[in-house]
């Protein structure tokens, strides 16, 4: 088994025009996209709590939700 991957650190959502060529190439090569959160949502409002248990899942949901509702998976179903 051979696994290939690309990592990119960005605070941008993947559905924006800037990433269209990346998404198109990923679909053409049949390479899935992994969303891994980095920053946490709401950290500034609740600094005394462990934001990895709240913020990271929220950030992941926002990232994946933006992809779902953008229609990206309709255009590129194999990513």
N, C-alpha and C. Protein backbone atom coordinates (compact mmCIF):
# COMPACT_ATOMS: atom_id res chain seq x y z
N UNK A 1 0.84 -1.17 0.00
CA UNK A 1 0.00 0.00 0.00
C UNK A 1 0.89 1.24 0.00
N UNK A 2 0.56 2.17 -0.85
CA UNK A 2 1.29 3.43 -0.93
C UNK A 2 0.33 4.55 -0.58
N UNK A 3 0.74 5.36 0.37
CA UNK A 3 -0.08 6.50 0.77
C UNK A 3 0.63 7.78 0.38
N UNK A 4 -0.10 8.69 -0.21
CA UNK A 4 0.45 9.98 -0.59
C UNK A 4 -0.36 11.06 0.10
N UNK A 5 0.31 12.12 0.48
CA UNK A 5 -0.42 13.20 1.13
C UNK A 5 0.29 14.53 0.92
N UNK A 6 -0.46 15.58 1.15
CA UNK A 6 0.06 16.94 1.11
C UNK A 6 -0.48 17.64 2.34
N UNK A 7 0.37 18.39 3.00
CA UNK A 7 -0.07 19.17 4.16
C UNK A 7 0.08 20.64 3.82
N UNK A 8 -0.93 21.40 4.16
CA UNK A 8 -0.84 22.84 3.97
C UNK A 8 -1.50 23.53 5.14
N UNK A 9 -0.79 24.47 5.68
CA UNK A 9 -1.29 25.19 6.85
C UNK A 9 -1.85 26.52 6.37
N UNK A 10 -3.13 26.69 6.57
CA UNK A 10 -3.78 27.92 6.14
C UNK A 10 -4.97 28.20 7.03
N UNK A 11 -5.28 29.44 7.16
CA UNK A 11 -6.46 29.82 7.94
C UNK A 11 -7.63 30.10 7.01
N UNK A 12 -7.51 29.70 5.77
CA UNK A 12 -8.54 29.93 4.76
C UNK A 12 -9.42 28.70 4.60
N UNK A 13 -10.66 28.92 4.22
CA UNK A 13 -11.53 27.79 3.94
C UNK A 13 -11.23 27.28 2.54
N UNK A 14 -11.36 25.97 2.35
CA UNK A 14 -10.94 25.35 1.09
C UNK A 14 -11.87 25.63 -0.08
N UNK A 15 -13.05 26.14 0.17
CA UNK A 15 -13.98 26.34 -0.94
C UNK A 15 -13.71 27.63 -1.72
N UNK A 16 -12.81 28.46 -1.24
CA UNK A 16 -12.58 29.72 -1.95
C UNK A 16 -11.84 29.47 -3.26
N UNK A 17 -11.99 30.40 -4.17
CA UNK A 17 -11.44 30.26 -5.53
C UNK A 17 -9.95 29.96 -5.55
N UNK A 18 -9.24 30.47 -4.57
CA UNK A 18 -7.79 30.29 -4.48
C UNK A 18 -7.39 28.81 -4.49
N UNK A 19 -8.25 27.94 -3.99
CA UNK A 19 -7.92 26.51 -3.87
C UNK A 19 -8.55 25.64 -4.95
N UNK A 20 -9.19 26.23 -5.94
CA UNK A 20 -9.87 25.43 -6.96
C UNK A 20 -8.91 24.51 -7.71
N UNK A 21 -7.74 25.00 -8.07
CA UNK A 21 -6.77 24.14 -8.78
C UNK A 21 -6.30 23.00 -7.90
N UNK A 22 -6.12 23.28 -6.61
CA UNK A 22 -5.72 22.23 -5.66
C UNK A 22 -6.80 21.16 -5.56
N UNK A 23 -8.05 21.58 -5.43
CA UNK A 23 -9.17 20.64 -5.32
C UNK A 23 -9.33 19.84 -6.60
N UNK A 24 -9.19 20.49 -7.73
CA UNK A 24 -9.30 19.82 -9.02
C UNK A 24 -8.20 18.78 -9.18
N UNK A 25 -6.97 19.13 -8.82
CA UNK A 25 -5.86 18.18 -8.92
C UNK A 25 -6.05 17.02 -7.96
N UNK A 26 -6.53 17.30 -6.77
CA UNK A 26 -6.79 16.24 -5.79
C UNK A 26 -7.82 15.26 -6.32
N UNK A 27 -8.87 15.79 -6.92
CA UNK A 27 -9.92 14.93 -7.48
C UNK A 27 -9.39 14.11 -8.66
N UNK A 28 -8.61 14.75 -9.52
CA UNK A 28 -8.06 14.07 -10.69
C UNK A 28 -7.15 12.92 -10.28
N UNK A 29 -6.37 13.11 -9.21
CA UNK A 29 -5.45 12.08 -8.74
C UNK A 29 -6.11 11.11 -7.76
N UNK A 30 -7.40 11.35 -7.48
CA UNK A 30 -8.16 10.51 -6.55
C UNK A 30 -7.52 10.48 -5.16
N UNK A 31 -7.11 11.67 -4.70
CA UNK A 31 -6.47 11.83 -3.40
C UNK A 31 -7.46 12.52 -2.46
N UNK A 32 -7.79 11.88 -1.35
CA UNK A 32 -8.74 12.51 -0.42
C UNK A 32 -8.11 13.69 0.31
N UNK A 33 -8.96 14.54 0.85
CA UNK A 33 -8.52 15.70 1.62
C UNK A 33 -8.85 15.46 3.08
N UNK A 34 -7.87 15.68 3.92
CA UNK A 34 -8.05 15.56 5.36
C UNK A 34 -8.08 16.95 5.96
N UNK A 35 -9.08 17.22 6.76
CA UNK A 35 -9.18 18.50 7.45
C UNK A 35 -8.73 18.29 8.89
N UNK A 36 -7.68 19.00 9.28
CA UNK A 36 -7.18 18.90 10.66
C UNK A 36 -7.16 20.30 11.25
N UNK A 37 -7.93 20.53 12.31
CA UNK A 37 -7.99 21.87 12.89
C UNK A 37 -6.70 22.25 13.59
N UNK A 38 -6.45 23.53 13.64
CA UNK A 38 -5.29 24.02 14.37
C UNK A 38 -5.72 25.03 15.42
N UNK A 39 -6.28 26.12 14.98
CA UNK A 39 -6.77 27.12 15.93
C UNK A 39 -8.11 26.65 16.50
N UNK A 40 -8.47 27.18 17.63
CA UNK A 40 -9.73 26.78 18.23
C UNK A 40 -10.72 27.92 18.25
N UNK A 41 -11.95 27.61 17.94
CA UNK A 41 -13.03 28.59 17.93
C UNK A 41 -13.39 28.96 19.37
N UNK A 42 -13.53 30.23 19.65
CA UNK A 42 -13.99 30.69 20.96
C UNK A 42 -12.95 30.73 22.05
N UNK A 43 -11.71 30.51 21.71
CA UNK A 43 -10.64 30.46 22.72
C UNK A 43 -10.54 31.75 23.53
N UNK A 44 -10.74 32.88 22.86
CA UNK A 44 -10.64 34.16 23.55
C UNK A 44 -11.80 34.40 24.52
N UNK A 45 -12.90 33.69 24.33
CA UNK A 45 -14.06 33.88 25.21
C UNK A 45 -14.05 32.95 26.42
N UNK A 46 -13.33 31.85 26.33
CA UNK A 46 -13.31 30.89 27.43
C UNK A 46 -11.89 30.40 27.69
N UNK A 47 -10.96 31.28 28.03
CA UNK A 47 -9.55 30.89 28.17
C UNK A 47 -9.28 29.90 29.30
N UNK A 48 -10.15 29.83 30.28
CA UNK A 48 -9.90 28.94 31.42
C UNK A 48 -10.27 27.48 31.15
N UNK A 49 -10.89 27.20 30.02
CA UNK A 49 -11.30 25.83 29.71
C UNK A 49 -10.35 25.20 28.70
N UNK A 50 -10.35 23.90 28.67
CA UNK A 50 -9.54 23.17 27.69
C UNK A 50 -10.22 23.26 26.33
N UNK A 51 -9.79 24.20 25.53
CA UNK A 51 -10.45 24.44 24.26
C UNK A 51 -10.24 23.33 23.23
N UNK A 52 -9.31 22.43 23.48
CA UNK A 52 -9.15 21.32 22.55
C UNK A 52 -10.37 20.41 22.57
N UNK A 53 -11.10 20.39 23.67
CA UNK A 53 -12.29 19.54 23.74
C UNK A 53 -13.52 20.22 23.16
N UNK A 54 -13.49 21.53 23.01
CA UNK A 54 -14.63 22.27 22.47
C UNK A 54 -14.27 22.93 21.14
N UNK A 55 -13.18 23.66 21.13
CA UNK A 55 -12.81 24.46 19.96
C UNK A 55 -12.39 23.65 18.75
N UNK A 56 -11.61 22.60 18.96
CA UNK A 56 -11.14 21.80 17.83
C UNK A 56 -12.30 21.12 17.09
N UNK A 57 -13.21 20.43 17.80
CA UNK A 57 -14.36 19.86 17.09
C UNK A 57 -15.21 20.93 16.39
N UNK A 58 -15.34 22.09 17.01
CA UNK A 58 -16.11 23.17 16.38
C UNK A 58 -15.41 23.66 15.12
N UNK A 59 -14.11 23.82 15.18
CA UNK A 59 -13.34 24.26 14.02
C UNK A 59 -13.43 23.24 12.89
N UNK A 60 -13.37 21.96 13.23
CA UNK A 60 -13.51 20.91 12.22
C UNK A 60 -14.89 20.96 11.58
N UNK A 61 -15.92 21.12 12.40
CA UNK A 61 -17.29 21.20 11.88
C UNK A 61 -17.45 22.40 10.95
N UNK A 62 -16.87 23.53 11.29
CA UNK A 62 -16.94 24.71 10.42
C UNK A 62 -16.24 24.46 9.09
N UNK A 63 -15.07 23.85 9.14
CA UNK A 63 -14.32 23.58 7.91
C UNK A 63 -15.05 22.60 7.01
N UNK A 64 -15.50 21.49 7.57
CA UNK A 64 -16.19 20.47 6.78
C UNK A 64 -17.55 20.99 6.32
N UNK A 65 -18.25 21.71 7.19
CA UNK A 65 -19.54 22.30 6.81
C UNK A 65 -19.40 23.25 5.64
N UNK A 66 -18.33 24.05 5.64
CA UNK A 66 -18.13 24.98 4.53
C UNK A 66 -17.90 24.23 3.22
N UNK A 67 -17.24 23.08 3.29
CA UNK A 67 -17.04 22.27 2.09
C UNK A 67 -18.36 21.64 1.63
N UNK A 68 -19.12 21.10 2.56
CA UNK A 68 -20.40 20.46 2.22
C UNK A 68 -21.35 21.45 1.57
N UNK A 69 -21.55 22.58 2.21
CA UNK A 69 -22.54 23.54 1.74
C UNK A 69 -22.07 24.36 0.53
N UNK A 70 -20.79 24.29 0.22
CA UNK A 70 -20.28 25.00 -0.95
C UNK A 70 -20.56 24.25 -2.24
N UNK A 71 -20.87 22.96 -2.15
CA UNK A 71 -21.09 22.15 -3.35
C UNK A 71 -19.83 21.51 -3.88
N UNK A 72 -18.73 21.63 -3.15
CA UNK A 72 -17.45 21.06 -3.59
C UNK A 72 -17.57 19.56 -3.82
N UNK A 73 -18.29 18.85 -2.95
CA UNK A 73 -18.40 17.39 -3.09
C UNK A 73 -19.29 17.00 -4.26
N UNK A 74 -20.15 17.90 -4.70
CA UNK A 74 -20.92 17.65 -5.92
C UNK A 74 -20.01 17.78 -7.14
N UNK A 75 -19.13 18.77 -7.09
CA UNK A 75 -18.22 19.01 -8.20
C UNK A 75 -17.07 18.00 -8.23
N UNK A 76 -16.55 17.67 -7.05
CA UNK A 76 -15.44 16.72 -6.92
C UNK A 76 -15.83 15.63 -5.92
N UNK A 77 -16.64 14.66 -6.31
CA UNK A 77 -17.16 13.68 -5.35
C UNK A 77 -16.12 12.74 -4.75
N UNK A 78 -14.96 12.61 -5.35
CA UNK A 78 -13.99 11.64 -4.83
C UNK A 78 -12.94 12.25 -3.91
N UNK A 79 -13.10 13.52 -3.55
CA UNK A 79 -12.14 14.07 -2.59
C UNK A 79 -12.68 13.79 -1.23
